[in-house]
Structures are given as C-alpha cells and as structure tokens.
Amino acid sequence: MINPGFGVHKGGDFSVGISADYKKTRRFSVNYTHYFGSEDNFLTPANSPAPVESYKQNYKDRNFISFSLQTTF
C-alpha cells in the first residue's frame, strides 16, 4: 500500500503488551494492537475515474494479537 503521508482523521492505533523473562534464557511476550476511527478504504469510490483519498481508517478490521518467544543458549 502507498503511504499518502497523512493520518486518519480522529483515528489511529494503539498497542499494549507484556513481556517476561524466565531464568534469563527465555523471553515471552504478548501484544495486542487495535485500530480505531471511522472505517473506509484508502481510495473511494472504487469505480470512480478519479479516486479520492480517504482520511478514514482502512485497517479497522485488522486488530490482532501477537505472541513471541525468544531463547538464548
């Protein structure tokens, strides 16, 4: 996706997570990311000969949780 250089009007994203070490050899983490703001595609309308850039959130349906495990030896 092309980054248009502008943000979502009254929207954005936030992430919250936690991590822990076990005997300094393993590190566990979990993170949640949430996108907020009015939902719409980057270019609207889709069938227009001259698409218009949208200032709305096109990642609204992509909230996710990530897990990580790191180990050293």
N, C-alpha and C. Protein backbone atom coordinates (compact mmCIF):
# COMPACT_ATOMS: atom_id res chain seq x y z
N MET A 1 0.85 -1.19 0.00
CA MET A 1 0.00 0.00 0.00
C MET A 1 0.89 1.24 0.00
N ILE A 2 0.46 2.24 -0.68
CA ILE A 2 1.18 3.51 -0.76
C ILE A 2 0.83 4.34 0.47
N ASN A 3 1.84 4.88 1.12
CA ASN A 3 1.60 5.76 2.26
C ASN A 3 1.37 7.17 1.75
N PRO A 4 0.15 7.71 1.93
CA PRO A 4 -0.15 9.03 1.38
C PRO A 4 0.44 10.18 2.18
N GLY A 5 0.97 9.93 3.37
CA GLY A 5 1.58 11.00 4.14
C GLY A 5 0.62 11.76 5.03
N PHE A 6 -0.55 11.20 5.26
CA PHE A 6 -1.49 11.83 6.18
C PHE A 6 -2.09 10.76 7.08
N GLY A 7 -2.55 11.17 8.25
CA GLY A 7 -3.10 10.23 9.21
C GLY A 7 -4.60 10.13 9.11
N VAL A 8 -5.14 9.24 9.93
CA VAL A 8 -6.57 9.03 9.99
C VAL A 8 -7.21 10.17 10.78
N HIS A 9 -8.27 10.77 10.24
CA HIS A 9 -8.97 11.85 10.92
C HIS A 9 -9.70 11.29 12.13
N LYS A 10 -9.35 11.75 13.33
CA LYS A 10 -9.94 11.29 14.60
C LYS A 10 -9.81 9.78 14.75
N GLY A 11 -8.66 9.25 14.38
CA GLY A 11 -8.43 7.81 14.49
C GLY A 11 -6.95 7.52 14.63
N GLY A 12 -6.63 6.26 14.61
CA GLY A 12 -5.25 5.84 14.72
C GLY A 12 -5.16 4.41 15.20
N ASP A 13 -4.15 4.12 15.97
CA ASP A 13 -4.00 2.77 16.52
C ASP A 13 -3.27 2.85 17.85
N PHE A 14 -3.42 1.79 18.64
CA PHE A 14 -2.63 1.68 19.87
C PHE A 14 -2.29 0.22 20.08
N SER A 15 -1.19 0.01 20.78
CA SER A 15 -0.73 -1.33 21.11
C SER A 15 -0.45 -1.39 22.61
N VAL A 16 -0.75 -2.54 23.19
CA VAL A 16 -0.45 -2.78 24.59
C VAL A 16 0.08 -4.20 24.69
N GLY A 17 1.09 -4.39 25.51
CA GLY A 17 1.68 -5.71 25.61
C GLY A 17 2.39 -5.92 26.93
N ILE A 18 2.83 -7.15 27.12
CA ILE A 18 3.54 -7.52 28.33
C ILE A 18 4.60 -8.54 27.95
N SER A 19 5.72 -8.50 28.64
CA SER A 19 6.78 -9.48 28.39
C SER A 19 7.35 -9.94 29.73
N ALA A 20 7.93 -11.13 29.72
CA ALA A 20 8.52 -11.70 30.93
C ALA A 20 9.75 -12.51 30.57
N ASP A 21 10.72 -12.51 31.48
CA ASP A 21 11.94 -13.32 31.32
C ASP A 21 11.86 -14.51 32.27
N TYR A 22 12.40 -15.64 31.80
CA TYR A 22 12.49 -16.84 32.62
C TYR A 22 13.95 -17.27 32.69
N LYS A 23 14.55 -17.15 33.85
CA LYS A 23 15.95 -17.52 34.10
C LYS A 23 16.92 -16.90 33.10
N LYS A 24 16.58 -15.76 32.59
CA LYS A 24 17.41 -15.01 31.65
C LYS A 24 17.81 -15.81 30.39
N THR A 25 17.07 -16.86 30.10
CA THR A 25 17.33 -17.64 28.89
C THR A 25 16.14 -17.64 27.94
N ARG A 26 14.97 -17.34 28.48
CA ARG A 26 13.76 -17.31 27.63
C ARG A 26 12.98 -16.02 27.91
N ARG A 27 12.43 -15.47 26.85
CA ARG A 27 11.62 -14.25 26.97
C ARG A 27 10.31 -14.50 26.24
N PHE A 28 9.21 -14.30 26.95
CA PHE A 28 7.87 -14.47 26.40
C PHE A 28 7.22 -13.10 26.30
N SER A 29 6.44 -12.88 25.26
CA SER A 29 5.71 -11.62 25.17
C SER A 29 4.40 -11.83 24.41
N VAL A 30 3.44 -11.00 24.73
CA VAL A 30 2.16 -10.97 24.03
C VAL A 30 1.80 -9.49 23.84
N ASN A 31 1.25 -9.17 22.67
CA ASN A 31 0.94 -7.78 22.33
C ASN A 31 -0.41 -7.73 21.60
N TYR A 32 -1.22 -6.73 21.91
CA TYR A 32 -2.50 -6.52 21.24
C TYR A 32 -2.47 -5.17 20.53
N THR A 33 -2.87 -5.13 19.28
CA THR A 33 -2.94 -3.89 18.50
C THR A 33 -4.38 -3.65 18.07
N HIS A 34 -4.86 -2.44 18.29
CA HIS A 34 -6.24 -2.06 17.95
C HIS A 34 -6.21 -0.80 17.08
N TYR A 35 -6.97 -0.83 15.99
CA TYR A 35 -7.12 0.33 15.10
C TYR A 35 -8.48 0.96 15.35
N PHE A 36 -8.53 2.29 15.45
CA PHE A 36 -9.80 2.97 15.70
C PHE A 36 -9.97 4.14 14.76
N GLY A 37 -11.22 4.56 14.62
CA GLY A 37 -11.58 5.65 13.72
C GLY A 37 -12.65 5.17 12.74
N SER A 38 -13.24 6.08 12.00
CA SER A 38 -14.26 5.72 11.02
C SER A 38 -13.65 4.85 9.94
N GLU A 39 -14.37 3.79 9.56
CA GLU A 39 -13.85 2.82 8.60
C GLU A 39 -14.18 3.21 7.15
N ASP A 40 -13.19 3.07 6.28
CA ASP A 40 -13.37 3.24 4.84
C ASP A 40 -12.07 2.84 4.16
N ASN A 41 -12.11 2.65 2.87
CA ASN A 41 -10.91 2.31 2.10
C ASN A 41 -10.05 3.53 1.89
N PHE A 42 -8.79 3.28 1.49
CA PHE A 42 -7.85 4.37 1.21
C PHE A 42 -8.33 5.22 0.05
N LEU A 43 -8.79 4.58 -1.03
CA LEU A 43 -9.31 5.31 -2.20
C LEU A 43 -10.80 5.03 -2.33
N THR A 44 -11.61 6.09 -2.40
CA THR A 44 -13.05 5.92 -2.57
C THR A 44 -13.56 6.92 -3.58
N PRO A 45 -14.57 6.65 -4.34
CA PRO A 45 -15.19 5.35 -4.56
C PRO A 45 -14.32 4.48 -5.46
N ALA A 46 -14.52 3.18 -5.39
CA ALA A 46 -13.65 2.23 -6.09
C ALA A 46 -13.76 2.33 -7.61
N ASN A 47 -14.92 2.63 -8.15
CA ASN A 47 -15.11 2.65 -9.61
C ASN A 47 -15.07 4.05 -10.21
N SER A 48 -14.59 5.00 -9.47
CA SER A 48 -14.52 6.37 -9.97
C SER A 48 -13.33 6.54 -10.90
N PRO A 49 -13.46 7.33 -11.98
CA PRO A 49 -12.31 7.55 -12.86
C PRO A 49 -11.19 8.34 -12.17
N ALA A 50 -11.54 9.13 -11.16
CA ALA A 50 -10.55 9.88 -10.38
C ALA A 50 -10.77 9.56 -8.90
N PRO A 51 -10.12 8.49 -8.38
CA PRO A 51 -10.32 8.13 -6.98
C PRO A 51 -9.94 9.27 -6.03
N VAL A 52 -10.65 9.35 -4.95
CA VAL A 52 -10.43 10.39 -3.95
C VAL A 52 -9.76 9.76 -2.73
N GLU A 53 -8.72 10.38 -2.18
CA GLU A 53 -8.06 9.86 -0.99
C GLU A 53 -8.97 10.02 0.21
N SER A 54 -9.05 8.97 1.02
CA SER A 54 -9.89 8.96 2.21
C SER A 54 -9.04 9.25 3.44
N TYR A 55 -9.61 9.95 4.40
CA TYR A 55 -8.94 10.20 5.67
C TYR A 55 -9.51 9.29 6.75
N LYS A 56 -10.05 8.14 6.35
CA LYS A 56 -10.66 7.22 7.29
C LYS A 56 -9.77 6.01 7.49
N GLN A 57 -10.11 5.19 8.47
CA GLN A 57 -9.30 4.04 8.88
C GLN A 57 -9.53 2.84 7.96
N ASN A 58 -8.53 2.45 7.19
CA ASN A 58 -8.70 1.29 6.32
C ASN A 58 -8.19 0.01 6.98
N TYR A 59 -7.68 0.07 8.21
CA TYR A 59 -7.26 -1.12 8.94
C TYR A 59 -8.23 -1.49 10.06
N LYS A 60 -9.43 -0.91 10.06
CA LYS A 60 -10.40 -1.10 11.15
C LYS A 60 -10.67 -2.57 11.44
N ASP A 61 -10.65 -3.43 10.43
CA ASP A 61 -10.97 -4.85 10.62
C ASP A 61 -9.72 -5.70 10.87
N ARG A 62 -8.58 -5.10 11.20
CA ARG A 62 -7.32 -5.85 11.31
C ARG A 62 -6.69 -5.81 12.70
N ASN A 63 -7.50 -5.69 13.74
CA ASN A 63 -6.96 -5.80 15.10
C ASN A 63 -6.32 -7.16 15.25
N PHE A 64 -5.23 -7.24 16.03
CA PHE A 64 -4.58 -8.54 16.16
C PHE A 64 -3.83 -8.69 17.47
N ILE A 65 -3.54 -9.95 17.81
CA ILE A 65 -2.74 -10.31 18.96
C ILE A 65 -1.51 -11.03 18.43
N SER A 66 -0.34 -10.66 18.96
CA SER A 66 0.89 -11.33 18.55
C SER A 66 1.57 -11.93 19.78
N PHE A 67 2.21 -13.08 19.57
CA PHE A 67 2.95 -13.78 20.61
C PHE A 67 4.39 -13.92 20.16
N SER A 68 5.30 -13.91 21.12
CA SER A 68 6.71 -14.05 20.79
C SER A 68 7.41 -14.88 21.85
N LEU A 69 8.35 -15.71 21.43
CA LEU A 69 9.20 -16.47 22.32
C LEU A 69 10.62 -16.36 21.82
N GLN A 70 11.53 -15.92 22.69
CA GLN A 70 12.94 -15.81 22.34
C GLN A 70 13.72 -16.67 23.32
N THR A 71 14.76 -17.29 22.82
CA THR A 71 15.60 -18.12 23.68
C THR A 71 17.08 -17.88 23.38
N THR A 72 17.89 -18.05 24.40
CA THR A 72 19.34 -17.96 24.22
C THR A 72 19.97 -19.22 24.78
N PHE A 73 21.13 -19.55 24.28
CA PHE A 73 21.85 -20.73 24.79
C PHE A 73 23.32 -20.57 24.60
